[in-house]
Amino acid sequence: MTQTNQIAAQRMFLNAGKTAVLAEGHEDAAFFYAGKGDEIPATACERFGIVDGKVPTKGRAKASGKAQGEGKEKAPPANKGGKTPANKGGEKPDNKGGSGGEAKPAALTDIDGIGPATAKALVAAGVADVAALAAVDPASPPQLEKTPPNFDWAAVVAAAKAQTGDAE
């Protein structure tokens, strides 16, 4: 059956060996692959078993050796059994400070297009936080040890500027 290009319905990541596509939050996610709304080539959909713009579900995963999550129990989120975070069910905190205490600054992985591995590479290249990312010139970005194949510096820097309130 010939597949067509698909539009991603969720954020997707590749594993370290780039042999499987995984959902955001999966413990083996290493490289950002596609964000919601990104076009995924038909060849990638076929290779990774992507259906309806979503990562393969149990029993459909290809090239990973076993289905996503098979044989592993997912650890509960860190706050399970503890107190509910202060902003749970409310609005996102204002990261610019102000009354009500200091809000935690946005993490690099809060930017669409940056996964855990890319965030580590950015920190290693001297881009330690979202404010530093907002100051990067997309025309001459820092050299990263490994840059994802579809990494869009202009979009990432624009998103960082929006996070810091420096949007042009």
C-alpha atoms as a PDB file:
ATOM      1  CA  MET A   1       0.000   0.000   0.000  1.00  0.00           C
ATOM      2  CA  THR A   2       1.396   3.409  -0.941  1.00  0.00           C
ATOM      3  CA  GLN A   3       1.278   5.942   1.864  1.00  0.00           C
ATOM      4  CA  THR A   4       1.058   9.710   1.562  1.00  0.00           C
ATOM      5  CA  ASN A   5       2.658  12.451   3.613  1.00  0.00           C
ATOM      6  CA  GLN A   6       0.969  12.985   6.965  1.00  0.00           C
ATOM      7  CA  ILE A   7       0.605  15.891   9.363  1.00  0.00           C
ATOM      8  CA  ALA A   8       1.896  15.229  12.883  1.00  0.00           C
ATOM      9  CA  ALA A   9      -0.880  15.145  15.454  1.00  0.00           C
ATOM     10  CA  GLN A  10       1.589  15.187  18.356  1.00  0.00           C
ATOM     11  CA  ARG A  11       5.237  15.911  19.197  1.00  0.00           C
ATOM     12  CA  MET A  12       7.448  13.012  18.119  1.00  0.00           C
ATOM     13  CA  PHE A  13      10.991  12.070  19.056  1.00  0.00           C
ATOM     14  CA  LEU A  14      13.511   9.582  17.698  1.00  0.00           C
ATOM     15  CA  ASN A  15      15.343   7.147  19.941  1.00  0.00           C
ATOM     16  CA  ALA A  16      19.139   7.441  20.256  1.00  0.00           C
ATOM     17  CA  GLY A  17      19.714   4.972  17.406  1.00  0.00           C
ATOM     18  CA  LYS A  18      17.175   6.810  15.226  1.00  0.00           C
ATOM     19  CA  THR A  19      15.436   3.484  14.612  1.00  0.00           C
ATOM     20  CA  ALA A  20      12.062   4.272  16.202  1.00  0.00           C
ATOM     21  CA  VAL A  21       9.770   7.240  16.624  1.00  0.00           C
ATOM     22  CA  LEU A  22       8.437   7.814  20.149  1.00  0.00           C
ATOM     23  CA  ALA A  23       5.857   9.998  21.864  1.00  0.00           C
ATOM     24  CA  GLU A  24       6.885  12.992  23.935  1.00  0.00           C
ATOM     25  CA  GLY A  25       7.850  11.933  27.437  1.00  0.00           C
ATOM     26  CA  HIS A  26       9.025   8.446  26.468  1.00  0.00           C
ATOM     27  CA  GLU A  27      12.174   7.541  28.418  1.00  0.00           C
ATOM     28  CA  ASP A  28      14.042   6.543  25.236  1.00  0.00           C
ATOM     29  CA  ALA A  29      13.287   9.809  23.399  1.00  0.00           C
ATOM     30  CA  ALA A  30      16.574  11.397  22.332  1.00  0.00           C
ATOM     31  CA  PHE A  31      16.038  13.647  19.293  1.00  0.00           C
ATOM     32  CA  PHE A  32      13.109  15.872  18.404  1.00  0.00           C
ATOM     33  CA  TYR A  33      11.604  14.650  15.126  1.00  0.00           C
ATOM     34  CA  ALA A  34       8.333  16.509  14.486  1.00  0.00           C
ATOM     35  CA  GLY A  35       5.991  18.917  16.216  1.00  0.00           C
ATOM     36  CA  LYS A  36       2.226  19.050  15.998  1.00  0.00           C
ATOM     37  CA  GLY A  37       1.306  20.292  12.527  1.00  0.00           C
ATOM     38  CA  ASP A  38       4.628  19.355  10.882  1.00  0.00           C
ATOM     39  CA  GLU A  39       4.493  17.420   7.614  1.00  0.00           C
ATOM     40  CA  ILE A  40       5.980  13.937   7.794  1.00  0.00           C
ATOM     41  CA  PRO A  41       7.201  12.358   4.535  1.00  0.00           C
ATOM     42  CA  ALA A  42       5.413   9.191   3.390  1.00  0.00           C
ATOM     43  CA  THR A  43       8.697   7.270   3.532  1.00  0.00           C
ATOM     44  CA  ALA A  44       9.095   8.113   7.237  1.00  0.00           C
ATOM     45  CA  CYS A  45       5.463   7.202   7.936  1.00  0.00           C
ATOM     46  CA  GLU A  46       6.054   3.805   6.386  1.00  0.00           C
ATOM     47  CA  ARG A  47       9.444   3.279   8.052  1.00  0.00           C
ATOM     48  CA  PHE A  48       8.263   4.178  11.551  1.00  0.00           C
ATOM     49  CA  GLY A  49       4.663   2.959  11.279  1.00  0.00           C
ATOM     50  CA  ILE A  50       3.168   6.424  11.774  1.00  0.00           C
ATOM     51  CA  VAL A  51      -0.612   6.348  11.334  1.00  0.00           C
ATOM     52  CA  ASP A  52      -2.920   9.380  11.385  1.00  0.00           C
ATOM     53  CA  GLY A  53       0.023  11.578  12.363  1.00  0.00           C
ATOM     54  CA  LYS A  54       0.646   9.660  15.591  1.00  0.00           C
ATOM     55  CA  VAL A  55       3.460   7.459  16.856  1.00  0.00           C
ATOM     56  CA  PRO A  56       2.946   3.712  16.569  1.00  0.00           C
ATOM     57  CA  THR A  57       0.965   2.071  19.325  1.00  0.00           C
ATOM     58  CA  LYS A  58       1.782  -1.244  20.931  1.00  0.00           C
ATOM     59  CA  GLY A  59       2.197  -3.951  18.328  1.00  0.00           C
ATOM     60  CA  ARG A  60       2.743  -1.548  15.419  1.00  0.00           C
ATOM     61  CA  ALA A  61       6.205  -0.171  16.242  1.00  0.00           C
ATOM     62  CA  LYS A  62       8.747  -0.794  13.496  1.00  0.00           C
ATOM     63  CA  ALA A  63      12.532  -1.030  13.584  1.00  0.00           C
ATOM     64  CA  SER A  64      12.786  -0.727  17.363  1.00  0.00           C
ATOM     65  CA  GLY A  65      13.053  -4.408  18.171  1.00  0.00           C
ATOM     66  CA  LYS A  66       9.950  -4.340  20.349  1.00  0.00           C
ATOM     67  CA  ALA A  67       6.765  -2.361  20.607  1.00  0.00           C
ATOM     68  CA  GLN A  68       6.898   0.981  22.356  1.00  0.00           C
ATOM     69  CA  GLY A  69       6.724   0.519  26.107  1.00  0.00           C
ATOM     70  CA  GLU A  70       6.707  -3.287  25.897  1.00  0.00           C
ATOM     71  CA  GLY A  71       8.460  -4.975  28.786  1.00  0.00           C
ATOM     72  CA  LYS A  72       8.791  -1.761  30.767  1.00  0.00           C
ATOM     73  CA  GLU A  73       6.612  -0.311  33.439  1.00  0.00           C
ATOM     74  CA  LYS A  74       6.445   3.431  33.130  1.00  0.00           C
ATOM     75  CA  ALA A  75       7.486   5.196  36.310  1.00  0.00           C
ATOM     76  CA  PRO A  76       4.814   7.474  37.775  1.00  0.00           C
ATOM     77  CA  PRO A  77       5.339  11.227  37.501  1.00  0.00           C
ATOM     78  CA  ALA A  78       7.506  12.711  40.231  1.00  0.00           C
ATOM     79  CA  ASN A  79       4.575  14.426  41.935  1.00  0.00           C
ATOM     80  CA  LYS A  80       2.372  11.319  42.259  1.00  0.00           C
ATOM     81  CA  GLY A  81       1.465  10.769  45.870  1.00  0.00           C
ATOM     82  CA  GLY A  82       2.774  14.180  46.821  1.00  0.00           C
ATOM     83  CA  LYS A  83       1.396  17.658  46.871  1.00  0.00           C
ATOM     84  CA  THR A  84      -0.269  19.086  43.793  1.00  0.00           C
ATOM     85  CA  PRO A  85       1.894  21.777  42.154  1.00  0.00           C
ATOM     86  CA  ALA A  86       0.754  25.327  42.904  1.00  0.00           C
ATOM     87  CA  ASN A  87      -0.270  26.059  39.302  1.00  0.00           C
ATOM     88  CA  LYS A  88      -2.178  22.787  38.752  1.00  0.00           C
ATOM     89  CA  GLY A  89      -5.512  23.573  37.159  1.00  0.00           C
ATOM     90  CA  GLY A  90      -4.713  27.248  36.875  1.00  0.00           C
ATOM     91  CA  GLU A  91      -2.926  29.511  34.476  1.00  0.00           C
ATOM     92  CA  LYS A  92       0.752  29.189  33.665  1.00  0.00           C
ATOM     93  CA  PRO A  93       2.888  31.314  35.973  1.00  0.00           C
ATOM     94  CA  ASP A  94       4.215  34.608  34.675  1.00  0.00           C
ATOM     95  CA  ASN A  95       7.903  33.897  34.076  1.00  0.00           C
ATOM     96  CA  LYS A  96       8.779  37.581  34.245  1.00  0.00           C
ATOM     97  CA  GLY A  97       8.629  37.697  38.040  1.00  0.00           C
ATOM     98  CA  GLY A  98       6.493  40.233  39.839  1.00  0.00           C
ATOM     99  CA  SER A  99       4.139  39.868  42.790  1.00  0.00           C
ATOM    100  CA  GLY A 100       3.491  36.419  44.164  1.00  0.00           C
ATOM    101  CA  GLY A 101       7.156  35.345  44.230  1.00  0.00           C
ATOM    102  CA  GLU A 102       9.599  34.480  41.528  1.00  0.00           C
ATOM    103  CA  ALA A 103       8.389  32.082  38.848  1.00  0.00           C
ATOM    104  CA  LYS A 104      10.662  29.338  37.541  1.00  0.00           C
ATOM    105  CA  PRO A 105      12.150  30.308  34.149  1.00  0.00           C
ATOM    106  CA  ALA A 106      11.113  28.304  31.099  1.00  0.00           C
ATOM    107  CA  ALA A 107      13.284  25.297  30.302  1.00  0.00           C
ATOM    108  CA  LEU A 108      14.890  24.794  26.896  1.00  0.00           C
ATOM    109  CA  THR A 109      12.696  21.721  26.402  1.00  0.00           C
ATOM    110  CA  ASP A 110       9.604  23.945  26.756  1.00  0.00           C
ATOM    111  CA  ILE A 111      10.437  25.291  23.284  1.00  0.00           C
ATOM    112  CA  ASP A 112       8.800  23.380  20.420  1.00  0.00           C
ATOM    113  CA  GLY A 113      11.611  21.728  18.484  1.00  0.00           C
ATOM    114  CA  ILE A 114      13.910  21.062  21.456  1.00  0.00           C
ATOM    115  CA  GLY A 115      14.004  17.687  23.134  1.00  0.00           C
ATOM    116  CA  PRO A 116      16.236  16.495  25.964  1.00  0.00           C
ATOM    117  CA  ALA A 117      19.209  15.602  23.730  1.00  0.00           C
ATOM    118  CA  THR A 118      19.096  18.902  21.833  1.00  0.00           C
ATOM    119  CA  ALA A 119      18.822  20.811  25.129  1.00  0.00           C
ATOM    120  CA  LYS A 120      21.998  19.062  26.355  1.00  0.00           C
ATOM    121  CA  ALA A 121      23.773  19.934  23.100  1.00  0.00           C
ATOM    122  CA  LEU A 122      22.684  23.584  23.427  1.00  0.00           C
ATOM    123  CA  VAL A 123      23.983  23.784  27.003  1.00  0.00           C
ATOM    124  CA  ALA A 124      27.281  22.221  25.897  1.00  0.00           C
ATOM    125  CA  ALA A 125      27.504  24.903  23.168  1.00  0.00           C
ATOM    126  CA  GLY A 126      27.013  27.668  25.742  1.00  0.00           C
ATOM    127  CA  VAL A 127      23.265  28.242  25.342  1.00  0.00           C
ATOM    128  CA  ALA A 128      22.279  27.523  28.942  1.00  0.00           C
ATOM    129  CA  ASP A 129      18.701  28.819  29.039  1.00  0.00           C
ATOM    130  CA  VAL A 130      15.796  30.241  27.043  1.00  0.00           C
ATOM    131  CA  ALA A 131      17.077  33.820  27.412  1.00  0.00           C
ATOM    132  CA  ALA A 132      20.423  32.813  25.895  1.00  0.00           C
ATOM    133  CA  LEU A 133      18.592  30.994  23.086  1.00  0.00           C
ATOM    134  CA  ALA A 134      16.549  34.137  22.380  1.00  0.00           C
ATOM    135  CA  ALA A 135      19.823  36.039  21.896  1.00  0.00           C
ATOM    136  CA  VAL A 136      21.145  33.599  19.249  1.00  0.00           C
ATOM    137  CA  ASP A 137      21.412  34.916  15.694  1.00  0.00           C
ATOM    138  CA  PRO A 138      19.629  32.266  13.560  1.00  0.00           C
ATOM    139  CA  ALA A 139      21.860  33.198  10.603  1.00  0.00           C
ATOM    140  CA  SER A 140      24.998  32.195  12.529  1.00  0.00           C
ATOM    141  CA  PRO A 141      23.954  29.773  15.280  1.00  0.00           C
ATOM    142  CA  PRO A 142      26.419  27.967  17.538  1.00  0.00           C
ATOM    143  CA  GLN A 143      27.736  24.616  16.336  1.00  0.00           C
ATOM    144  CA  LEU A 144      26.014  21.758  18.109  1.00  0.00           C
ATOM    145  CA  GLU A 145      27.577  18.333  18.475  1.00  0.00           C
ATOM    146  CA  LYS A 146      24.455  16.757  16.953  1.00  0.00           C
ATOM    147  CA  THR A 147      21.729  18.844  15.355  1.00  0.00           C
ATOM    148  CA  PRO A 148      18.451  17.109  14.424  1.00  0.00           C
ATOM    149  CA  PRO A 149      17.995  16.918  10.642  1.00  0.00           C
ATOM    150  CA  ASN A 150      14.945  19.198  10.584  1.00  0.00           C
ATOM    151  CA  PHE A 151      16.122  21.695  13.243  1.00  0.00           C
ATOM    152  CA  ASP A 152      14.820  25.183  12.400  1.00  0.00           C
ATOM    153  CA  TRP A 153      16.982  27.782  14.163  1.00  0.00           C
ATOM    154  CA  ALA A 154      14.749  30.692  13.132  1.00  0.00           C
ATOM    155  CA  ALA A 155      11.612  29.070  14.568  1.00  0.00           C
ATOM    156  CA  VAL A 156      13.357  27.979  17.769  1.00  0.00           C
ATOM    157  CA  VAL A 157      14.873  31.423  18.385  1.00  0.00           C
ATOM    158  CA  ALA A 158      11.500  33.085  17.654  1.00  0.00           C
ATOM    159  CA  ALA A 159       9.791  30.760  20.145  1.00  0.00           C
ATOM    160  CA  ALA A 160      12.460  31.562  22.751  1.00  0.00           C
ATOM    161  CA  LYS A 161      11.929  35.280  22.170  1.00  0.00           C
ATOM    162  CA  ALA A 162       8.187  34.814  22.632  1.00  0.00           C
ATOM    163  CA  GLN A 163       8.847  32.957  25.912  1.00  0.00           C
ATOM    164  CA  THR A 164      11.068  35.750  27.214  1.00  0.00           C
ATOM    165  CA  GLY A 165       8.898  38.583  25.957  1.00  0.00           C
ATOM    166  CA  ASP A 166      11.537  39.723  23.446  1.00  0.00           C
ATOM    167  CA  ALA A 167       9.359  39.077  20.376  1.00  0.00           C
ATOM    168  CA  GLU A 168      10.094  41.496  17.561  1.00  0.00           C
END
